[in-house]
Amino acid sequence: MSAFDPSSLTYNEQGLIPAIAQDATSNKVLMMAWMNAEALARTLQTGRVTYWSRSRQAFWVKGDTSGHVQELVSLRVDCDRDCILMLVHQTGAACHTGRRTCFYTDVTDGTEVELMAPMV
């Protein structure tokens, strides 16, 4: 066992790494967003998932404005060290559309089907 170093990961040319959030209880994939090394370090330090917003060029702590908080349970690194998976406790919706997951559209045989409505 050794200490985890966020700089040991492979970030893209913008200094970002894909971060997938998965519900720690149901194992459902909730969302994918981007992190830089500082967002990852903040997440590990606070236990509150922090992403890097590419559109705002700012840190984004999940739930600070919506109340839909993600609390980190466990962090996993893929074999190439260029993607991370976070097991989280999700409060409320994970998707900005108000749905539990961002992956609410199924495409089968070329047909799209919406699998869930926004949470009320």
PDB file of N, CA and C in Angstrom:
ATOM      1  N   MET A   1       0.838  -1.182   0.000  1.00  0.00           N
ATOM      2  CA  MET A   1       0.000   0.000   0.000  1.00  0.00           C
ATOM      3  C   MET A   1       0.877   1.238   0.000  1.00  0.00           C
ATOM      4  N   SER A   2       0.437   2.231  -0.755  1.00  0.00           N
ATOM      5  CA  SER A   2       1.170   3.492  -0.771  1.00  0.00           C
ATOM      6  C   SER A   2       0.178   4.644  -0.812  1.00  0.00           C
ATOM      7  N   ALA A   3       0.643   5.820  -0.464  1.00  0.00           N
ATOM      8  CA  ALA A   3      -0.216   7.009  -0.469  1.00  0.00           C
ATOM      9  C   ALA A   3      -0.615   7.344  -1.900  1.00  0.00           C
ATOM     10  N   PHE A   4      -1.863   7.759  -2.073  1.00  0.00           N
ATOM     11  CA  PHE A   4      -2.369   8.130  -3.398  1.00  0.00           C
ATOM     12  C   PHE A   4      -1.899   9.535  -3.743  1.00  0.00           C
ATOM     13  N   ASP A   5      -1.394   9.686  -4.951  1.00  0.00           N
ATOM     14  CA  ASP A   5      -0.921  10.979  -5.439  1.00  0.00           C
ATOM     15  C   ASP A   5      -1.715  11.335  -6.693  1.00  0.00           C
ATOM     16  N   PRO A   6      -2.620  12.351  -6.628  1.00  0.00           N
ATOM     17  CA  PRO A   6      -3.420  12.723  -7.803  1.00  0.00           C
ATOM     18  C   PRO A   6      -2.579  13.062  -9.030  1.00  0.00           C
ATOM     19  N   SER A   7      -1.336  13.499  -8.831  1.00  0.00           N
ATOM     20  CA  SER A   7      -0.494  13.831  -9.986  1.00  0.00           C
ATOM     21  C   SER A   7       0.005  12.584 -10.709  1.00  0.00           C
ATOM     22  N   SER A   8      -0.222  11.394 -10.137  1.00  0.00           N
ATOM     23  CA  SER A   8       0.187  10.151 -10.795  1.00  0.00           C
ATOM     24  C   SER A   8      -0.796   9.734 -11.890  1.00  0.00           C
ATOM     25  N   LEU A   9      -1.925  10.443 -11.995  1.00  0.00           N
ATOM     26  CA  LEU A   9      -2.928  10.127 -13.008  1.00  0.00           C
ATOM     27  C   LEU A   9      -2.563  10.765 -14.341  1.00  0.00           C
ATOM     28  N   THR A  10      -3.173  10.263 -15.402  1.00  0.00           N
ATOM     29  CA  THR A  10      -2.952  10.819 -16.738  1.00  0.00           C
ATOM     30  C   THR A  10      -4.105  11.753 -17.067  1.00  0.00           C
ATOM     31  N   TYR A  11      -3.793  13.034 -17.136  1.00  0.00           N
ATOM     32  CA  TYR A  11      -4.782  14.061 -17.456  1.00  0.00           C
ATOM     33  C   TYR A  11      -4.674  14.407 -18.935  1.00  0.00           C
ATOM     34  N   ASN A  12      -5.769  14.915 -19.521  1.00  0.00           N
ATOM     35  CA  ASN A  12      -5.729  15.296 -20.933  1.00  0.00           C
ATOM     36  C   ASN A  12      -4.969  16.617 -21.103  1.00  0.00           C
ATOM     37  N   GLU A  13      -4.925  17.117 -22.335  1.00  0.00           N
ATOM     38  CA  GLU A  13      -4.143  18.326 -22.620  1.00  0.00           C
ATOM     39  C   GLU A  13      -4.670  19.570 -21.898  1.00  0.00           C
ATOM     40  N   GLN A  14      -5.912  19.532 -21.428  1.00  0.00           N
ATOM     41  CA  GLN A  14      -6.469  20.638 -20.635  1.00  0.00           C
ATOM     42  C   GLN A  14      -6.240  20.427 -19.131  1.00  0.00           C
ATOM     43  N   GLY A  15      -5.554  19.335 -18.782  1.00  0.00           N
ATOM     44  CA  GLY A  15      -5.296  19.039 -17.379  1.00  0.00           C
ATOM     45  C   GLY A  15      -6.480  18.408 -16.668  1.00  0.00           C
ATOM     46  N   LEU A  16      -7.361  17.754 -17.435  1.00  0.00           N
ATOM     47  CA  LEU A  16      -8.586  17.182 -16.884  1.00  0.00           C
ATOM     48  C   LEU A  16      -8.609  15.664 -17.029  1.00  0.00           C
ATOM     49  N   ILE A  17      -9.402  15.045 -16.157  1.00  0.00           N
ATOM     50  CA  ILE A  17      -9.592  13.602 -16.204  1.00  0.00           C
ATOM     51  C   ILE A  17     -11.087  13.323 -16.073  1.00  0.00           C
ATOM     52  N   PRO A  18     -11.643  12.359 -16.846  1.00  0.00           N
ATOM     53  CA  PRO A  18     -13.055  12.011 -16.683  1.00  0.00           C
ATOM     54  C   PRO A  18     -13.297  11.388 -15.317  1.00  0.00           C
ATOM     55  N   ALA A  19     -14.395  11.823 -14.680  1.00  0.00           N
ATOM     56  CA  ALA A  19     -14.749  11.324 -13.361  1.00  0.00           C
ATOM     57  C   ALA A  19     -16.188  10.828 -13.406  1.00  0.00           C
ATOM     58  N   ILE A  20     -16.363   9.538 -13.197  1.00  0.00           N
ATOM     59  CA  ILE A  20     -17.683   8.919 -13.236  1.00  0.00           C
ATOM     60  C   ILE A  20     -18.180   8.758 -11.807  1.00  0.00           C
ATOM     61  N   ALA A  21     -19.418   9.193 -11.560  1.00  0.00           N
ATOM     62  CA  ALA A  21     -20.034   9.018 -10.248  1.00  0.00           C
ATOM     63  C   ALA A  21     -21.026   7.859 -10.322  1.00  0.00           C
ATOM     64  N   GLN A  22     -20.890   6.931  -9.393  1.00  0.00           N
ATOM     65  CA  GLN A  22     -21.749   5.750  -9.317  1.00  0.00           C
ATOM     66  C   GLN A  22     -22.338   5.682  -7.916  1.00  0.00           C
ATOM     67  N   ASP A  23     -23.621   5.388  -7.822  1.00  0.00           N
ATOM     68  CA  ASP A  23     -24.282   5.275  -6.525  1.00  0.00           C
ATOM     69  C   ASP A  23     -23.692   4.092  -5.754  1.00  0.00           C
ATOM     70  N   ALA A  24     -23.213   4.350  -4.557  1.00  0.00           N
ATOM     71  CA  ALA A  24     -22.548   3.309  -3.761  1.00  0.00           C
ATOM     72  C   ALA A  24     -23.506   2.237  -3.281  1.00  0.00           C
ATOM     73  N   THR A  25     -24.795   2.533  -3.229  1.00  0.00           N
ATOM     74  CA  THR A  25     -25.780   1.556  -2.758  1.00  0.00           C
ATOM     75  C   THR A  25     -26.381   0.753  -3.904  1.00  0.00           C
ATOM     76  N   SER A  26     -26.860   1.447  -4.939  1.00  0.00           N
ATOM     77  CA  SER A  26     -27.548   0.765  -6.046  1.00  0.00           C
ATOM     78  C   SER A  26     -26.607   0.343  -7.171  1.00  0.00           C
ATOM     79  N   ASN A  27     -25.401   0.895  -7.200  1.00  0.00           N
ATOM     80  CA  ASN A  27     -24.414   0.682  -8.261  1.00  0.00           C
ATOM     81  C   ASN A  27     -24.816   1.299  -9.600  1.00  0.00           C
ATOM     82  N   LYS A  28     -25.854   2.129  -9.628  1.00  0.00           N
ATOM     83  CA  LYS A  28     -26.249   2.803 -10.863  1.00  0.00           C
ATOM     84  C   LYS A  28     -25.267   3.926 -11.179  1.00  0.00           C
ATOM     85  N   VAL A  29     -24.908   4.028 -12.462  1.00  0.00           N
ATOM     86  CA  VAL A  29     -24.055   5.122 -12.899  1.00  0.00           C
ATOM     87  C   VAL A  29     -24.902   6.395 -12.906  1.00  0.00           C
ATOM     88  N   LEU A  30     -24.421   7.430 -12.233  1.00  0.00           N
ATOM     89  CA  LEU A  30     -25.186   8.656 -12.083  1.00  0.00           C
ATOM     90  C   LEU A  30     -24.803   9.726 -13.093  1.00  0.00           C
ATOM     91  N   MET A  31     -23.505   9.938 -13.293  1.00  0.00           N
ATOM     92  CA  MET A  31     -23.075  11.027 -14.165  1.00  0.00           C
ATOM     93  C   MET A  31     -21.591  10.908 -14.467  1.00  0.00           C
ATOM     94  N   MET A  32     -21.157  11.708 -15.429  1.00  0.00           N
ATOM     95  CA  MET A  32     -19.743  11.863 -15.744  1.00  0.00           C
ATOM     96  C   MET A  32     -19.471  13.348 -15.842  1.00  0.00           C
ATOM     97  N   ALA A  33     -18.394  13.785 -15.238  1.00  0.00           N
ATOM     98  CA  ALA A  33     -17.956  15.171 -15.337  1.00  0.00           C
ATOM     99  C   ALA A  33     -16.430  15.157 -15.341  1.00  0.00           C
ATOM    100  N   TRP A  34     -15.837  16.328 -15.261  1.00  0.00           N
ATOM    101  CA  TRP A  34     -14.383  16.449 -15.346  1.00  0.00           C
ATOM    102  C   TRP A  34     -13.802  16.941 -14.032  1.00  0.00           C
ATOM    103  N   MET A  35     -12.596  16.482 -13.747  1.00  0.00           N
ATOM    104  CA  MET A  35     -11.835  16.957 -12.587  1.00  0.00           C
ATOM    105  C   MET A  35     -10.431  17.312 -13.037  1.00  0.00           C
ATOM    106  N   ASN A  36      -9.841  18.269 -12.358  1.00  0.00           N
ATOM    107  CA  ASN A  36      -8.400  18.472 -12.491  1.00  0.00           C
ATOM    108  C   ASN A  36      -7.772  17.985 -11.187  1.00  0.00           C
ATOM    109  N   ALA A  37      -6.464  18.065 -11.065  1.00  0.00           N
ATOM    110  CA  ALA A  37      -5.791  17.536  -9.878  1.00  0.00           C
ATOM    111  C   ALA A  37      -6.266  18.238  -8.612  1.00  0.00           C
ATOM    112  N   GLU A  38      -6.520  19.549  -8.685  1.00  0.00           N
ATOM    113  CA  GLU A  38      -6.978  20.294  -7.507  1.00  0.00           C
ATOM    114  C   GLU A  38      -8.390  19.880  -7.103  1.00  0.00           C
ATOM    115  N   ALA A  39      -9.293  19.688  -8.068  1.00  0.00           N
ATOM    116  CA  ALA A  39     -10.652  19.235  -7.752  1.00  0.00           C
ATOM    117  C   ALA A  39     -10.613  17.865  -7.084  1.00  0.00           C
ATOM    118  N   LEU A  40      -9.764  16.999  -7.579  1.00  0.00           N
ATOM    119  CA  LEU A  40      -9.621  15.673  -6.994  1.00  0.00           C
ATOM    120  C   LEU A  40      -9.070  15.768  -5.574  1.00  0.00           C
ATOM    121  N   ALA A  41      -8.063  16.606  -5.376  1.00  0.00           N
ATOM    122  CA  ALA A  41      -7.492  16.777  -4.036  1.00  0.00           C
ATOM    123  C   ALA A  41      -8.538  17.335  -3.070  1.00  0.00           C
ATOM    124  N   ARG A  42      -9.346  18.302  -3.527  1.00  0.00           N
ATOM    125  CA  ARG A  42     -10.399  18.863  -2.675  1.00  0.00           C
ATOM    126  C   ARG A  42     -11.437  17.806  -2.319  1.00  0.00           C
ATOM    127  N   THR A  43     -11.780  16.967  -3.297  1.00  0.00           N
ATOM    128  CA  THR A  43     -12.742  15.889  -3.053  1.00  0.00           C
ATOM    129  C   THR A  43     -12.222  14.942  -1.988  1.00  0.00           C
ATOM    130  N   LEU A  44     -10.977  14.548  -2.108  1.00  0.00           N
ATOM    131  CA  LEU A  44     -10.382  13.617  -1.144  1.00  0.00           C
ATOM    132  C   LEU A  44     -10.266  14.252   0.243  1.00  0.00           C
ATOM    133  N   GLN A  45      -9.990  15.541   0.281  1.00  0.00           N
ATOM    134  CA  GLN A  45      -9.820  16.240   1.560  1.00  0.00           C
ATOM    135  C   GLN A  45     -11.146  16.460   2.281  1.00  0.00           C
ATOM    136  N   THR A  46     -12.193  16.822   1.534  1.00  0.00           N
ATOM    137  CA  THR A  46     -13.458  17.215   2.156  1.00  0.00           C
ATOM    138  C   THR A  46     -14.505  16.101   2.183  1.00  0.00           C
ATOM    139  N   GLY A  47     -14.391  15.137   1.267  1.00  0.00           N
ATOM    140  CA  GLY A  47     -15.416  14.109   1.135  1.00  0.00           C
ATOM    141  C   GLY A  47     -16.616  14.561   0.321  1.00  0.00           C
ATOM    142  N   ARG A  48     -16.656  15.833  -0.079  1.00  0.00           N
ATOM    143  CA  ARG A  48     -17.692  16.381  -0.961  1.00  0.00           C
ATOM    144  C   ARG A  48     -17.116  16.397  -2.370  1.00  0.00           C
ATOM    145  N   VAL A  49     -17.826  15.796  -3.326  1.00  0.00           N
ATOM    146  CA  VAL A  49     -17.298  15.690  -4.681  1.00  0.00           C
ATOM    147  C   VAL A  49     -17.228  17.077  -5.329  1.00  0.00           C
ATOM    148  N   THR A  50     -16.049  17.395  -5.827  1.00  0.00           N
ATOM    149  CA  THR A  50     -15.765  18.680  -6.461  1.00  0.00           C
ATOM    150  C   THR A  50     -15.297  18.424  -7.882  1.00  0.00           C
ATOM    151  N   TYR A  51     -15.967  19.057  -8.821  1.00  0.00           N
ATOM    152  CA  TYR A  51     -15.623  18.917 -10.239  1.00  0.00           C
ATOM    153  C   TYR A  51     -15.012  20.217 -10.745  1.00  0.00           C
ATOM    154  N   TRP A  52     -14.492  20.186 -11.978  1.00  0.00           N
ATOM    155  CA  TRP A  52     -14.029  21.378 -12.664  1.00  0.00           C
ATOM    156  C   TRP A  52     -15.035  21.681 -13.777  1.00  0.00           C
ATOM    157  N   SER A  53     -15.655  22.839 -13.720  1.00  0.00           N
ATOM    158  CA  SER A  53     -16.609  23.243 -14.748  1.00  0.00           C
ATOM    159  C   SER A  53     -15.849  23.840 -15.921  1.00  0.00           C
ATOM    160  N   ARG A  54     -15.922  23.176 -17.055  1.00  0.00           N
ATOM    161  CA  ARG A  54     -15.234  23.679 -18.250  1.00  0.00           C
ATOM    162  C   ARG A  54     -15.884  24.949 -18.766  1.00  0.00           C
ATOM    163  N   SER A  55     -17.205  25.065 -18.660  1.00  0.00           N
ATOM    164  CA  SER A  55     -17.895  26.252 -19.172  1.00  0.00           C
ATOM    165  C   SER A  55     -17.648  27.474 -18.289  1.00  0.00           C
ATOM    166  N   ARG A  56     -17.614  27.285 -16.985  1.00  0.00           N
ATOM    167  CA  ARG A  56     -17.407  28.410 -16.063  1.00  0.00           C
ATOM    168  C   ARG A  56     -15.944  28.609 -15.702  1.00  0.00           C
ATOM    169  N   GLN A  57     -15.091  27.616 -16.030  1.00  0.00           N
ATOM    170  CA  GLN A  57     -13.677  27.662 -15.646  1.00  0.00           C
ATOM    171  C   GLN A  57     -13.541  27.896 -14.142  1.00  0.00           C
ATOM    172  N   ALA A  58     -14.281  27.067 -13.380  1.00  0.00           N
ATOM    173  CA  ALA A  58     -14.291  27.202 -11.926  1.00  0.00           C
ATOM    174  C   ALA A  58     -14.606  25.856 -11.279  1.00  0.00           C
ATOM    175  N   PHE A  59     -14.253  25.743  -9.997  1.00  0.00           N
ATOM    176  CA  PHE A  59     -14.598  24.543  -9.253  1.00  0.00           C
ATOM    177  C   PHE A  59     -16.097  24.522  -9.005  1.00  0.00           C
ATOM    178  N   TRP A  60     -16.639  23.308  -8.961  1.00  0.00           N
ATOM    179  CA  TRP A  60     -18.061  23.099  -8.796  1.00  0.00           C
ATOM    180  C   TRP A  60     -18.239  21.985  -7.769  1.00  0.00           C
ATOM    181  N   VAL A  61     -18.656  22.350  -6.563  1.00  0.00           N
ATOM    182  CA  VAL A  61     -18.903  21.371  -5.514  1.00  0.00           C
ATOM    183  C   VAL A  61     -20.336  20.894  -5.689  1.00  0.00           C
ATOM    184  N   LYS A  62     -20.493  19.629  -6.027  1.00  0.00           N
ATOM    185  CA  LYS A  62     -21.817  19.072  -6.318  1.00  0.00           C
ATOM    186  C   LYS A  62     -22.747  19.293  -5.133  1.00  0.00           C
ATOM    187  N   GLY A  63     -23.845  19.992  -5.394  1.00  0.00           N
ATOM    188  CA  GLY A  63     -24.859  20.220  -4.382  1.00  0.00           C
ATOM    189  C   GLY A  63     -24.816  21.582  -3.716  1.00  0.00           C
ATOM    190  N   ASP A  64     -23.760  22.366  -3.945  1.00  0.00           N
ATOM    191  CA  ASP A  64     -23.678  23.674  -3.294  1.00  0.00           C
ATOM    192  C   ASP A  64     -24.843  24.591  -3.663  1.00  0.00           C
ATOM    193  N   THR A  65     -25.302  24.538  -4.905  1.00  0.00           N
ATOM    194  CA  THR A  65     -26.431  25.389  -5.296  1.00  0.00           C
ATOM    195  C   THR A  65     -27.739  24.608  -5.371  1.00  0.00           C
ATOM    196  N   SER A  66     -27.681  23.331  -5.706  1.00  0.00           N
ATOM    197  CA  SER A  66     -28.910  22.542  -5.889  1.00  0.00           C
ATOM    198  C   SER A  66     -29.350  21.800  -4.630  1.00  0.00           C
ATOM    199  N   GLY A  67     -28.427  21.556  -3.718  1.00  0.00           N
ATOM    200  CA  GLY A  67     -28.726  20.716  -2.566  1.00  0.00           C
ATOM    201  C   GLY A  67     -28.591  19.234  -2.859  1.00  0.00           C
ATOM    202  N   HIS A  68     -28.272  18.895  -4.104  1.00  0.00           N
ATOM    203  CA  HIS A  68     -28.127  17.493  -4.522  1.00  0.00           C
ATOM    204  C   HIS A  68     -26.668  17.062  -4.357  1.00  0.00           C
ATOM    205  N   VAL A  69     -26.314  16.813  -3.138  1.00  0.00           N
ATOM    206  CA  VAL A  69     -24.933  16.587  -2.714  1.00  0.00           C
ATOM    207  C   VAL A  69     -24.442  15.189  -3.090  1.00  0.00           C
ATOM    208  N   GLN A  70     -23.167  15.121  -3.440  1.00  0.00           N
ATOM    209  CA  GLN A  70     -22.491  13.834  -3.604  1.00  0.00           C
ATOM    210  C   GLN A  70     -21.413  13.733  -2.539  1.00  0.00           C
ATOM    211  N   GLU A  71     -21.528  12.696  -1.694  1.00  0.00           N
ATOM    212  CA  GLU A  71     -20.524  12.434  -0.677  1.00  0.00           C
ATOM    213  C   GLU A  71     -19.692  11.238  -1.126  1.00  0.00           C
ATOM    214  N   LEU A  72     -18.397  11.406  -1.152  1.00  0.00           N
ATOM    215  CA  LEU A  72     -17.490  10.357  -1.605  1.00  0.00           C
ATOM    216  C   LEU A  72     -17.438   9.212  -0.600  1.00  0.00           C
ATOM    217  N   VAL A  73     -17.628   8.001  -1.109  1.00  0.00           N
ATOM    218  CA  VAL A  73     -17.484   6.791  -0.309  1.00  0.00           C
ATOM    219  C   VAL A  73     -16.148   6.139  -0.619  1.00  0.00           C
ATOM    220  N   SER A  74     -15.843   6.041  -1.916  1.00  0.00           N
ATOM    221  CA  SER A  74     -14.628   5.371  -2.352  1.00  0.00           C
ATOM    222  C   SER A  74     -14.227   5.903  -3.720  1.00  0.00           C
ATOM    223  N   LEU A  75     -12.948   5.926  -3.975  1.00  0.00           N
ATOM    224  CA  LEU A  75     -12.419   6.367  -5.268  1.00  0.00           C
ATOM    225  C   LEU A  75     -11.661   5.211  -5.898  1.00  0.00           C
ATOM    226  N   ARG A  76     -11.901   4.988  -7.184  1.00  0.00           N
ATOM    227  CA  ARG A  76     -11.195   3.933  -7.910  1.00  0.00           C
ATOM    228  C   ARG A  76     -10.547   4.522  -9.151  1.00  0.00           C
ATOM    229  N   VAL A  77      -9.408   3.995  -9.505  1.00  0.00           N
ATOM    230  CA  VAL A  77      -8.637   4.446 -10.660  1.00  0.00           C
ATOM    231  C   VAL A  77      -8.609   3.313 -11.674  1.00  0.00           C
ATOM    232  N   ASP A  78      -8.834   3.635 -12.958  1.00  0.00           N
ATOM    233  CA  ASP A  78      -8.821   2.569 -13.965  1.00  0.00           C
ATOM    234  C   ASP A  78      -7.391   2.131 -14.272  1.00  0.00           C
ATOM    235  N   CYS A  79      -7.279   1.063 -15.044  1.00  0.00           N
ATOM    236  CA  CYS A  79      -5.990   0.429 -15.315  1.00  0.00           C
ATOM    237  C   CYS A  79      -5.001   1.340 -16.039  1.00  0.00           C
ATOM    238  N   ASP A  80      -5.484   2.256 -16.861  1.00  0.00           N
ATOM    239  CA  ASP A  80      -4.599   3.177 -17.571  1.00  0.00           C
ATOM    240  C   ASP A  80      -4.341   4.460 -16.790  1.00  0.00           C
ATOM    241  N   ARG A  81      -5.001   4.590 -15.649  1.00  0.00           N
ATOM    242  CA  ARG A  81      -4.877   5.767 -14.775  1.00  0.00           C
ATOM    243  C   ARG A  81      -5.302   7.051 -15.491  1.00  0.00           C
ATOM    244  N   ASP A  82      -6.283   6.907 -16.438  1.00  0.00           N
ATOM    245  CA  ASP A  82      -6.757   8.092 -17.159  1.00  0.00           C
ATOM    246  C   ASP A  82      -8.257   8.309 -16.997  1.00  0.00           C
ATOM    247  N   CYS A  83      -8.858   7.662 -15.999  1.00  0.00           N
ATOM    248  CA  CYS A  83     -10.273   7.816 -15.698  1.00  0.00           C
ATOM    249  C   CYS A  83     -10.479   7.389 -14.242  1.00  0.00           C
ATOM    250  N   ILE A  84     -11.377   8.097 -13.551  1.00  0.00           N
ATOM    251  CA  ILE A  84     -11.660   7.701 -12.173  1.00  0.00           C
ATOM    252  C   ILE A  84     -13.133   7.386 -12.004  1.00  0.00           C
ATOM    253  N   LEU A  85     -13.399   6.508 -11.063  1.00  0.00           N
ATOM    254  CA  LEU A  85     -14.755   6.117 -10.696  1.00  0.00           C
ATOM    255  C   LEU A  85     -14.921   6.446  -9.224  1.00  0.00           C
ATOM    256  N   MET A  86     -15.963   7.205  -8.922  1.00  0.00           N
ATOM    257  CA  MET A  86     -16.241   7.563  -7.542  1.00  0.00           C
ATOM    258  C   MET A  86     -17.534   6.883  -7.103  1.00  0.00           C
ATOM    259  N   LEU A  87     -17.470   6.117  -6.041  1.00  0.00           N
ATOM    260  CA  LEU A  87     -18.675   5.581  -5.427  1.00  0.00           C
ATOM    261  C   LEU A  87     -19.141   6.645  -4.456  1.00  0.00           C
ATOM    262  N   VAL A  88     -20.405   7.059  -4.594  1.00  0.00           N
ATOM    263  CA  VAL A  88     -20.909   8.202  -3.830  1.00  0.00           C
ATOM    264  C   VAL A  88     -22.247   7.887  -3.169  1.00  0.00           C
ATOM    265  N   HIS A  89     -22.539   8.649  -2.135  1.00  0.00           N
ATOM    266  CA  HIS A  89     -23.894   8.727  -1.597  1.00  0.00           C
ATOM    267  C   HIS A  89     -24.490   9.979  -2.222  1.00  0.00           C
ATOM    268  N   GLN A  90     -25.522   9.798  -3.018  1.00  0.00           N
ATOM    269  CA  GLN A  90     -26.171  10.886  -3.754  1.00  0.00           C
ATOM    270  C   GLN A  90     -27.429  11.316  -3.026  1.00  0.00           C
ATOM    271  N   THR A  91     -27.544  12.608  -2.758  1.00  0.00           N
ATOM    272  CA  THR A  91     -28.772  13.185  -2.226  1.00  0.00           C
ATOM    273  C   THR A  91     -29.528  13.810  -3.385  1.00  0.00           C
ATOM    274  N   GLY A  92     -30.742  13.336  -3.643  1.00  0.00           N
ATOM    275  CA  GLY A  92     -31.548  13.904  -4.725  1.00  0.00           C
ATOM    276  C   GLY A  92     -31.034  13.531  -6.098  1.00  0.00           C
ATOM    277  N   ALA A  93     -31.309  14.418  -7.053  1.00  0.00           N
ATOM    278  CA  ALA A  93     -30.956  14.180  -8.455  1.00  0.00           C
ATOM    279  C   ALA A  93     -29.462  14.389  -8.678  1.00  0.00           C
ATOM    280  N   ALA A  94     -28.886  13.579  -9.558  1.00  0.00           N
ATOM    281  CA  ALA A  94     -27.496  13.781  -9.953  1.00  0.00           C
ATOM    282  C   ALA A  94     -27.414  14.635 -11.221  1.00  0.00           C
ATOM    283  N   CYS A  95     -28.452  14.587 -12.043  1.00  0.00           N
ATOM    284  CA  CYS A  95     -28.458  15.274 -13.334  1.00  0.00           C
ATOM    285  C   CYS A  95     -29.034  16.684 -13.195  1.00  0.00           C
ATOM    286  N   HIS A  96     -28.482  17.604 -13.975  1.00  0.00           N
ATOM    287  CA  HIS A  96     -28.980  18.985 -13.945  1.00  0.00           C
ATOM    288  C   HIS A  96     -30.413  19.089 -14.477  1.00  0.00           C
ATOM    289  N   THR A  97     -30.917  18.024 -15.120  1.00  0.00           N
ATOM    290  CA  THR A  97     -32.299  18.014 -15.609  1.00  0.00           C
ATOM    291  C   THR A  97     -33.289  17.622 -14.515  1.00  0.00           C
ATOM    292  N   GLY A  98     -32.764  17.293 -13.324  1.00  0.00           N
ATOM    293  CA  GLY A  98     -33.621  16.892 -12.219  1.00  0.00           C
ATOM    294  C   GLY A  98     -33.859  15.398 -12.136  1.00  0.00           C
ATOM    295  N   ARG A  99     -33.139  14.634 -12.922  1.00  0.00           N
ATOM    296  CA  ARG A  99     -33.275  13.177 -12.893  1.00  0.00           C
ATOM    297  C   ARG A  99     -32.204  12.577 -11.981  1.00  0.00           C
ATOM    298  N   ARG A 100     -32.474  11.385 -11.497  1.00  0.00           N
ATOM    299  CA  ARG A 100     -31.530  10.701 -10.615  1.00  0.00           C
ATOM    300  C   ARG A 100     -30.191  10.463 -11.310  1.00  0.00           C
ATOM    301  N   THR A 101     -30.222  10.167 -12.602  1.00  0.00           N
ATOM    302  CA  THR A 101     -29.016   9.891 -13.375  1.00  0.00           C
ATOM    303  C   THR A 101     -29.033  10.689 -14.674  1.00  0.00           C
ATOM    304  N   CYS A 102     -27.862  10.998 -15.188  1.00  0.00           N
ATOM    305  CA  CYS A 102     -27.756  11.665 -16.491  1.00  0.00           C
ATOM    306  C   CYS A 102     -28.033  10.683 -17.632  1.00  0.00           C
ATOM    307  N   PHE A 103     -27.953   9.402 -17.343  1.00  0.00           N
ATOM    308  CA  PHE A 103     -28.109   8.364 -18.362  1.00  0.00           C
ATOM    309  C   PHE A 103     -29.544   7.856 -18.365  1.00  0.00           C
ATOM    310  N   TYR A 104     -30.470   8.722 -18.760  1.00  0.00           N
ATOM    311  CA  TYR A 104     -31.896   8.394 -18.735  1.00  0.00           C
ATOM    312  C   TYR A 104     -32.476   8.149 -20.127  1.00  0.00           C
ATOM    313  N   THR A 105     -31.640   8.172 -21.166  1.00  0.00           N
ATOM    314  CA  THR A 105     -32.113   7.920 -22.527  1.00  0.00           C
ATOM    315  C   THR A 105     -31.519   6.614 -23.038  1.00  0.00           C
ATOM    316  N   ASP A 106     -32.389   5.697 -23.424  1.00  0.00           N
ATOM    317  CA  ASP A 106     -31.970   4.413 -23.988  1.00  0.00           C
ATOM    318  C   ASP A 106     -32.071   4.500 -25.502  1.00  0.00           C
ATOM    319  N   VAL A 107     -31.072   3.965 -26.186  1.00  0.00           N
ATOM    320  CA  VAL A 107     -31.113   3.867 -27.645  1.00  0.00           C
ATOM    321  C   VAL A 107     -30.979   2.396 -28.005  1.00  0.00           C
ATOM    322  N   THR A 108     -32.057   1.842 -28.546  1.00  0.00           N
ATOM    323  CA  THR A 108     -32.069   0.446 -28.977  1.00  0.00           C
ATOM    324  C   THR A 108     -32.641   0.399 -30.379  1.00  0.00           C
ATOM    325  N   ASP A 109     -31.940  -0.284 -31.265  1.00  0.00           N
ATOM    326  CA  ASP A 109     -32.379  -0.419 -32.662  1.00  0.00           C
ATOM    327  C   ASP A 109     -32.674   0.939 -33.293  1.00  0.00           C
ATOM    328  N   GLY A 110     -31.866   1.948 -32.957  1.00  0.00           N
ATOM    329  CA  GLY A 110     -32.012   3.260 -33.561  1.00  0.00           C
ATOM    330  C   GLY A 110     -33.147   4.111 -33.023  1.00  0.00           C
ATOM    331  N   THR A 111     -33.783   3.646 -31.970  1.00  0.00           N
ATOM    332  CA  THR A 111     -34.903   4.386 -31.382  1.00  0.00           C
ATOM    333  C   THR A 111     -34.530   4.854 -29.976  1.00  0.00           C
ATOM    334  N   GLU A 112     -34.797   6.145 -29.703  1.00  0.00           N
ATOM    335  CA  GLU A 112     -34.551   6.699 -28.373  1.00  0.00           C
ATOM    336  C   GLU A 112     -35.798   6.579 -27.509  1.00  0.00           C
ATOM    337  N   VAL A 113     -35.584   6.178 -26.265  1.00  0.00           N
ATOM    338  CA  VAL A 113     -36.681   6.084 -25.297  1.00  0.00           C
ATOM    339  C   VAL A 113     -36.204   6.751 -24.003  1.00  0.00           C
ATOM    340  N   GLU A 114     -37.010   7.685 -23.486  1.00  0.00           N
ATOM    341  CA  GLU A 114     -36.711   8.309 -22.207  1.00  0.00           C
ATOM    342  C   GLU A 114     -37.143   7.357 -21.100  1.00  0.00           C
ATOM    343  N   LEU A 115     -36.189   6.983 -20.242  1.00  0.00           N
ATOM    344  CA  LEU A 115     -36.442   5.961 -19.229  1.00  0.00           C
ATOM    345  C   LEU A 115     -37.040   6.511 -17.942  1.00  0.00           C
ATOM    346  N   MET A 116     -36.865   7.797 -17.685  1.00  0.00           N
ATOM    347  CA  MET A 116     -37.372   8.355 -16.434  1.00  0.00           C
ATOM    348  C   MET A 116     -37.661   9.831 -16.587  1.00  0.00           C
ATOM    349  N   ALA A 117     -38.624  10.274 -15.816  1.00  0.00           N
ATOM    350  CA  ALA A 117     -38.973  11.687 -15.777  1.00  0.00           C
ATOM    351  C   ALA A 117     -38.139  12.361 -14.672  1.00  0.00           C
ATOM    352  N   PRO A 118     -38.083  13.689 -14.690  1.00  0.00           N
ATOM    353  CA  PRO A 118     -37.389  14.381 -13.593  1.00  0.00           C
ATOM    354  C   PRO A 118     -38.041  14.061 -12.254  1.00  0.00           C
ATOM    355  N   MET A 119     -37.221  14.083 -11.203  1.00  0.00           N
ATOM    356  CA  MET A 119     -37.717  13.870  -9.842  1.00  0.00           C
ATOM    357  C   MET A 119     -38.530  15.099  -9.448  1.00  0.00           C
ATOM    358  N   VAL A 120     -39.524  14.902  -8.628  1.00  0.00           N
ATOM    359  CA  VAL A 120     -40.345  16.040  -8.186  1.00  0.00           C
ATOM    360  C   VAL A 120     -39.849  16.550  -6.857  1.00  0.00           C
TER     361      VAL A 120
END
